[in-house]
């Protein structure tokens, strides 16, 4: 029943279409290289299907359930989530790994595993994706140089620190699709005053893996009595370009960034690809397409 499914915003179609197109191209190419072994890892798998939220409830801060009062026939369009999108790719990956923390979603993924088990090798894993990616996955990749993989990192916030990204990059066997949550999470921790709590500053340092993100967001300027600090009007764009640069340095190649907005034009996040192969970056840039024009001077969370 649809009331048991998670809710997503209308923008999810755009993201999933880009993922579907890339995975299809990826497997079409790799299937021609018989010695290679392929794995797809969905690090925030959620459920196999989701209900598209109608525009009246188009709020990026709400991602699982609005309650029964927000559900009517107009909001009950059901779409395949990223696990089903990946499972339907033909030719398929050799292995699929779906990671989730929510017990109800894990049960739904187990049902998906049973449904596709006759034709797909699926592993459902519980817990923090960072632990799995930096232990089990790296062990498997390190055991055989023939492994190649795509990791889909689509959190609702800043749950994937740079240390995880860098360790995946160091394998030279993994390509990643990353949700860079500028509007949904990052901007909320970047006050115009540049006055941070200790925890907020530490969270940003952990996520970016380099404290120089600060200089992309803030600039010193002279004041009447003493110098001050102001937030740059193009802070979101600068952070995106800086982060893409770090991805390129780590992986070797990076795609254009696809801006995903809500139905009111508010910036939510960018979808970015990074990987060790230039062909992968070229394909990803093509399927993601050009970023939309900026709707404001700042990638803001106040345009919901």
Protein backbone atom coordinates (compact mmCIF):
# COMPACT_ATOMS: atom_id res chain seq x y z
CA UNK A 1 0.00 0.00 0.00
CA UNK A 2 1.22 3.50 -0.79
CA UNK A 3 0.91 4.67 2.80
CA UNK A 4 3.73 2.26 3.66
CA UNK A 5 6.11 3.78 1.10
CA UNK A 6 8.50 6.67 1.69
CA UNK A 7 7.69 9.99 0.05
CA UNK A 8 9.96 11.85 -2.33
CA UNK A 9 9.67 15.21 -4.02
CA UNK A 10 8.87 15.55 -7.74
CA UNK A 11 12.53 16.32 -8.39
CA UNK A 12 13.40 12.67 -7.63
CA UNK A 13 12.41 11.69 -11.17
CA UNK A 14 15.15 13.90 -12.59
CA UNK A 15 17.79 12.36 -10.35
CA UNK A 16 16.68 8.79 -11.05
CA UNK A 17 16.52 9.36 -14.79
CA UNK A 18 20.13 10.52 -14.73
CA UNK A 19 21.17 7.52 -12.66
CA UNK A 20 19.30 5.11 -14.95
CA UNK A 21 20.88 6.53 -18.09
CA UNK A 22 24.38 6.36 -16.66
CA UNK A 23 24.11 2.83 -15.25
CA UNK A 24 22.75 1.60 -18.56
CA UNK A 25 25.65 3.11 -20.48
CA UNK A 26 28.14 1.86 -17.88
CA UNK A 27 27.01 -1.75 -18.08
CA UNK A 28 26.71 -1.69 -21.85
CA UNK A 29 30.41 -0.81 -22.00
CA UNK A 30 31.67 -3.06 -19.21
CA UNK A 31 29.69 -6.10 -20.34
CA UNK A 32 31.98 -6.23 -23.36
CA UNK A 33 34.96 -6.83 -21.06
CA UNK A 34 34.36 -10.39 -19.89
CA UNK A 35 37.13 -10.60 -17.25
CA UNK A 36 35.72 -7.67 -15.28
CA UNK A 37 33.42 -8.17 -12.30
CA UNK A 38 30.84 -5.49 -11.51
CA UNK A 39 29.08 -4.29 -8.37
CA UNK A 40 26.52 -1.57 -7.71
CA UNK A 41 26.29 -0.18 -4.18
CA UNK A 42 23.33 1.95 -3.11
CA UNK A 43 24.55 3.48 0.13
CA UNK A 44 21.21 5.06 1.14
CA UNK A 45 18.87 2.62 -0.55
CA UNK A 46 15.59 3.42 1.22
CA UNK A 47 12.78 1.31 -0.29
CA UNK A 48 12.35 -0.18 -3.73
CA UNK A 49 9.55 2.24 -4.55
CA UNK A 50 8.40 5.65 -3.36
CA UNK A 51 5.39 7.93 -3.55
CA UNK A 52 5.85 11.25 -5.33
CA UNK A 53 4.76 14.09 -3.11
CA UNK A 54 2.51 16.66 -4.72
CA UNK A 55 3.77 20.23 -5.02
CA UNK A 56 1.78 21.65 -2.12
CA UNK A 57 4.01 19.59 0.15
CA UNK A 58 7.21 20.18 -1.79
CA UNK A 59 9.58 20.77 1.12
CA UNK A 60 13.13 19.43 0.86
CA UNK A 61 13.40 19.03 4.62
CA UNK A 62 10.67 16.37 4.55
CA UNK A 63 11.87 13.16 2.98
CA UNK A 64 10.16 10.18 4.54
CA UNK A 65 6.63 10.74 5.71
CA UNK A 66 4.24 13.67 5.95
CA UNK A 67 1.54 11.76 7.75
CA UNK A 68 -1.82 10.54 6.45
CA UNK A 69 -3.26 14.05 6.23
CA UNK A 70 -0.81 14.88 3.44
CA UNK A 71 -1.78 11.87 1.34
CA UNK A 72 -4.58 11.88 -1.19
CA UNK A 73 -5.07 10.40 -4.64
CA UNK A 74 -3.17 13.26 -6.27
CA UNK A 75 -0.01 12.48 -4.30
CA UNK A 76 -0.03 8.70 -4.77
CA UNK A 77 1.99 8.33 -7.95
CA UNK A 78 4.41 5.49 -7.28
CA UNK A 79 7.85 5.45 -8.90
CA UNK A 80 10.73 3.02 -8.75
CA UNK A 81 13.44 4.02 -6.29
CA UNK A 82 17.14 3.74 -7.02
CA UNK A 83 17.36 0.02 -6.05
CA UNK A 84 14.77 -1.00 -8.64
CA UNK A 85 16.25 1.37 -11.20
CA UNK A 86 19.59 -0.38 -10.82
CA UNK A 87 18.08 -3.88 -10.80
CA UNK A 88 16.27 -3.24 -14.06
CA UNK A 89 19.45 -2.28 -15.93
CA UNK A 90 20.19 -4.65 -18.79
CA UNK A 91 22.77 -6.08 -18.91
CA UNK A 92 22.75 -6.25 -15.11
CA UNK A 93 25.54 -5.79 -12.62
CA UNK A 94 27.04 -9.01 -11.32
CA UNK A 95 26.38 -7.99 -7.70
CA UNK A 96 24.12 -5.47 -5.97
CA UNK A 97 24.52 -4.13 -2.42
CA UNK A 98 21.76 -2.11 -0.77
CA UNK A 99 22.56 -0.37 2.52
CA UNK A 100 19.92 1.08 4.83
CA UNK A 101 19.55 1.98 8.50
CA UNK A 102 15.75 2.05 8.88
CA UNK A 103 14.29 -1.31 9.91
CA UNK A 104 11.09 -0.91 7.90
CA UNK A 105 13.04 -0.02 4.75
CA UNK A 106 15.35 -2.95 5.35
CA UNK A 107 12.34 -5.27 5.39
CA UNK A 108 11.17 -3.81 2.08
CA UNK A 109 14.64 -4.31 0.60
CA UNK A 110 14.58 -7.91 1.77
CA UNK A 111 11.34 -8.35 -0.16
CA UNK A 112 13.07 -6.86 -3.17
CA UNK A 113 15.92 -9.32 -2.70
CA UNK A 114 13.42 -12.19 -2.72
CA UNK A 115 11.64 -10.83 -5.79
CA UNK A 116 14.80 -10.49 -7.88
CA UNK A 117 16.84 -13.24 -6.24
CA UNK A 118 16.43 -15.72 -9.09
CA UNK A 119 18.15 -13.42 -11.59
CA UNK A 120 20.22 -10.98 -9.50
CA UNK A 121 22.84 -11.42 -6.78
CA UNK A 122 21.69 -9.03 -4.05
CA UNK A 123 23.03 -8.33 -0.58
CA UNK A 124 21.04 -6.14 1.85
CA UNK A 125 23.15 -4.60 4.59
CA UNK A 126 22.10 -2.77 7.74
CA UNK A 127 23.93 0.12 9.36
CA UNK A 128 26.19 3.03 8.54
CA UNK A 129 27.27 2.99 4.90
CA UNK A 130 30.66 4.51 5.74
CA UNK A 131 31.58 1.43 7.74
CA UNK A 132 30.60 -0.92 4.93
CA UNK A 133 32.26 1.12 2.18
CA UNK A 134 35.58 1.49 3.99
CA UNK A 135 35.82 -2.08 5.27
CA UNK A 136 33.87 -4.79 3.44
CA UNK A 137 33.76 -3.13 0.02
CA UNK A 138 37.41 -2.14 0.08
CA UNK A 139 38.36 -5.66 1.12
CA UNK A 140 36.45 -7.15 -1.82
CA UNK A 141 37.91 -4.67 -4.30
CA UNK A 142 41.40 -5.23 -2.96
CA UNK A 143 41.07 -9.00 -3.33
CA UNK A 144 40.72 -8.86 -7.10
CA UNK A 145 41.81 -6.11 -9.49
CA UNK A 146 39.08 -7.14 -11.92
CA UNK A 147 36.35 -5.58 -9.76
CA UNK A 148 34.68 -2.39 -10.99
CA UNK A 149 31.87 -0.63 -9.19
CA UNK A 150 29.44 2.27 -9.05
CA UNK A 151 28.54 3.68 -5.63
CA UNK A 152 25.43 5.86 -5.38
CA UNK A 153 25.75 8.29 -2.46
CA UNK A 154 22.37 9.96 -2.04
CA UNK A 155 22.02 11.02 1.61
CA UNK A 156 19.59 13.60 2.96
CA UNK A 157 22.46 15.48 4.56
CA UNK A 158 26.18 15.36 5.20
CA UNK A 159 26.50 11.74 6.29
CA UNK A 160 29.39 10.89 3.96
CA UNK A 161 32.68 12.50 5.09
CA UNK A 162 35.58 13.17 2.77
CA UNK A 163 37.57 10.30 4.31
CA UNK A 164 35.08 7.82 2.81
CA UNK A 165 35.15 9.55 -0.59
CA UNK A 166 38.95 9.55 -0.65
CA UNK A 167 39.27 5.88 0.24
CA UNK A 168 36.89 4.95 -2.57
CA UNK A 169 38.88 7.11 -4.97
CA UNK A 170 42.15 5.49 -3.95
CA UNK A 171 40.95 2.10 -5.21
CA UNK A 172 40.89 3.35 -8.83
CA UNK A 173 38.11 0.78 -9.31
CA UNK A 174 35.07 2.79 -8.22
CA UNK A 175 32.94 5.49 -9.77
CA UNK A 176 30.60 7.52 -7.58
CA UNK A 177 27.44 9.51 -8.04
CA UNK A 178 27.27 12.01 -5.20
CA UNK A 179 24.42 14.13 -3.91
CA UNK A 180 26.20 17.37 -2.93
CA UNK A 181 23.56 18.86 -0.58
CA UNK A 182 24.29 22.57 -0.78
CA UNK A 183 20.71 23.78 -0.32
CA UNK A 184 19.41 20.93 1.83
CA UNK A 185 22.15 20.79 4.45
CA UNK A 186 25.36 22.73 3.88
CA UNK A 187 23.95 26.25 3.66
CA UNK A 188 22.10 25.70 6.93
CA UNK A 189 25.45 25.47 8.69
CA UNK A 190 26.92 28.60 7.05
CA UNK A 191 25.67 31.69 8.93
CA UNK A 192 26.12 35.08 7.34
CA UNK A 193 27.80 36.22 10.54
CA UNK A 194 30.53 33.53 10.27
CA UNK A 195 29.87 32.78 13.95
CA UNK A 196 29.93 28.99 14.27
CA UNK A 197 29.22 26.62 17.07
CA UNK A 198 32.11 24.27 17.71
CA UNK A 199 30.05 21.31 16.52
CA UNK A 200 28.95 23.00 13.29
CA UNK A 201 32.51 23.94 12.34
CA UNK A 202 33.74 20.42 13.13
CA UNK A 203 30.95 18.89 11.04
CA UNK A 204 31.89 21.01 8.04
CA UNK A 205 35.59 20.21 8.42
CA UNK A 206 34.79 16.50 8.57
CA UNK A 207 32.52 16.59 5.55
CA UNK A 208 34.88 18.59 3.33
CA UNK A 209 38.09 17.05 4.66
CA UNK A 210 39.89 20.38 4.41
CA UNK A 211 39.30 23.57 6.43
CA UNK A 212 39.94 25.74 3.38
CA UNK A 213 36.24 25.48 2.54
CA UNK A 214 35.95 28.49 4.87
CA UNK A 215 37.78 30.78 2.43
CA UNK A 216 35.38 29.78 -0.33
CA UNK A 217 32.45 30.97 1.77
CA UNK A 218 33.76 33.97 3.71
CA UNK A 219 35.93 36.94 2.95
CA UNK A 220 37.53 39.49 5.26
CA UNK A 221 36.78 43.14 4.65
CA UNK A 222 37.84 46.37 6.32
CA UNK A 223 35.56 47.98 8.85
CA UNK A 224 35.27 51.42 10.42
CA UNK A 225 36.85 50.30 13.67
CA UNK A 226 38.10 46.78 12.98
CA UNK A 227 38.10 44.30 10.11
CA UNK A 228 35.02 42.14 9.61
CA UNK A 229 34.01 38.98 7.80
CA UNK A 230 31.15 38.62 5.37
CA UNK A 231 29.64 35.68 3.55
CA UNK A 232 30.26 35.74 -0.19
CA UNK A 233 27.16 36.16 -2.35
CA UNK A 234 28.34 33.32 -4.58
CA UNK A 235 29.30 31.01 -1.71
CA UNK A 236 27.27 28.08 -3.02
CA UNK A 237 28.83 28.19 -6.46
CA UNK A 238 32.31 28.55 -5.06
CA UNK A 239 31.84 25.58 -2.74
CA UNK A 240 30.55 23.46 -5.58
CA UNK A 241 33.48 24.28 -7.84
CA UNK A 242 35.96 23.75 -5.01
CA UNK A 243 34.43 20.38 -4.11
CA UNK A 244 34.39 19.28 -7.75
CA UNK A 245 38.07 20.21 -7.90
CA UNK A 246 38.79 17.99 -4.91
CA UNK A 247 36.85 15.15 -6.53
CA UNK A 248 38.84 15.55 -9.72
CA UNK A 249 42.12 15.47 -7.82
CA UNK A 250 41.07 12.36 -5.90
CA UNK A 251 39.42 10.34 -8.69
CA UNK A 252 40.99 11.78 -11.83
CA UNK A 253 37.79 12.84 -13.60
CA UNK A 254 34.61 14.65 -12.66
CA UNK A 255 31.38 15.47 -14.49
CA UNK A 256 29.46 18.66 -14.80
CA UNK A 257 27.15 19.17 -11.80
CA UNK A 258 23.42 18.84 -12.31
CA UNK A 259 21.42 21.24 -10.17
CA UNK A 260 18.27 19.70 -8.70
CA UNK A 261 15.62 22.15 -7.52
CA UNK A 262 12.25 21.86 -5.86
CA UNK A 263 9.06 22.85 -7.68
CA UNK A 264 9.44 26.47 -6.53
CA UNK A 265 12.95 26.79 -7.94
CA UNK A 266 14.72 26.47 -4.59
CA UNK A 267 18.15 24.87 -4.82
CA UNK A 268 18.30 21.46 -3.17
CA UNK A 269 21.49 19.74 -4.25
CA UNK A 270 23.80 18.96 -7.12
CA UNK A 271 24.31 15.52 -8.59
CA UNK A 272 27.98 14.99 -9.44
CA UNK A 273 29.91 12.04 -10.88
CA UNK A 274 33.56 11.25 -10.20
CA UNK A 275 35.65 8.34 -11.38
CA UNK A 276 39.00 7.15 -12.71
CA UNK A 277 37.91 6.91 -16.35
CA UNK A 278 37.52 9.92 -18.68
CA UNK A 279 34.84 8.11 -20.68
CA UNK A 280 32.73 7.73 -17.55
CA UNK A 281 32.93 11.45 -16.82
CA UNK A 282 32.02 12.28 -20.42
CA UNK A 283 28.98 9.99 -20.34
CA UNK A 284 27.90 11.31 -16.94
CA UNK A 285 28.18 14.92 -18.12
CA UNK A 286 26.02 14.03 -21.11
CA UNK A 287 23.26 12.22 -19.18
CA UNK A 288 23.20 14.79 -16.37
CA UNK A 289 23.12 17.64 -18.84
CA UNK A 290 24.03 21.25 -18.15
CA UNK A 291 23.30 22.72 -14.76
CA UNK A 292 20.24 24.94 -14.62
CA UNK A 293 20.70 28.69 -14.42
CA UNK A 294 21.06 29.91 -10.87
CA UNK A 295 17.80 31.11 -9.39
CA UNK A 296 19.43 33.41 -6.87
CA UNK A 297 22.82 34.74 -5.84
CA UNK A 298 23.10 32.05 -3.21
CA UNK A 299 22.25 28.37 -3.30
CA UNK A 300 19.70 28.87 -0.59
CA UNK A 301 17.50 26.76 1.60
CA UNK A 302 15.04 29.64 2.02
CA UNK A 303 13.35 29.15 -1.38
CA UNK A 304 11.25 26.12 -0.51
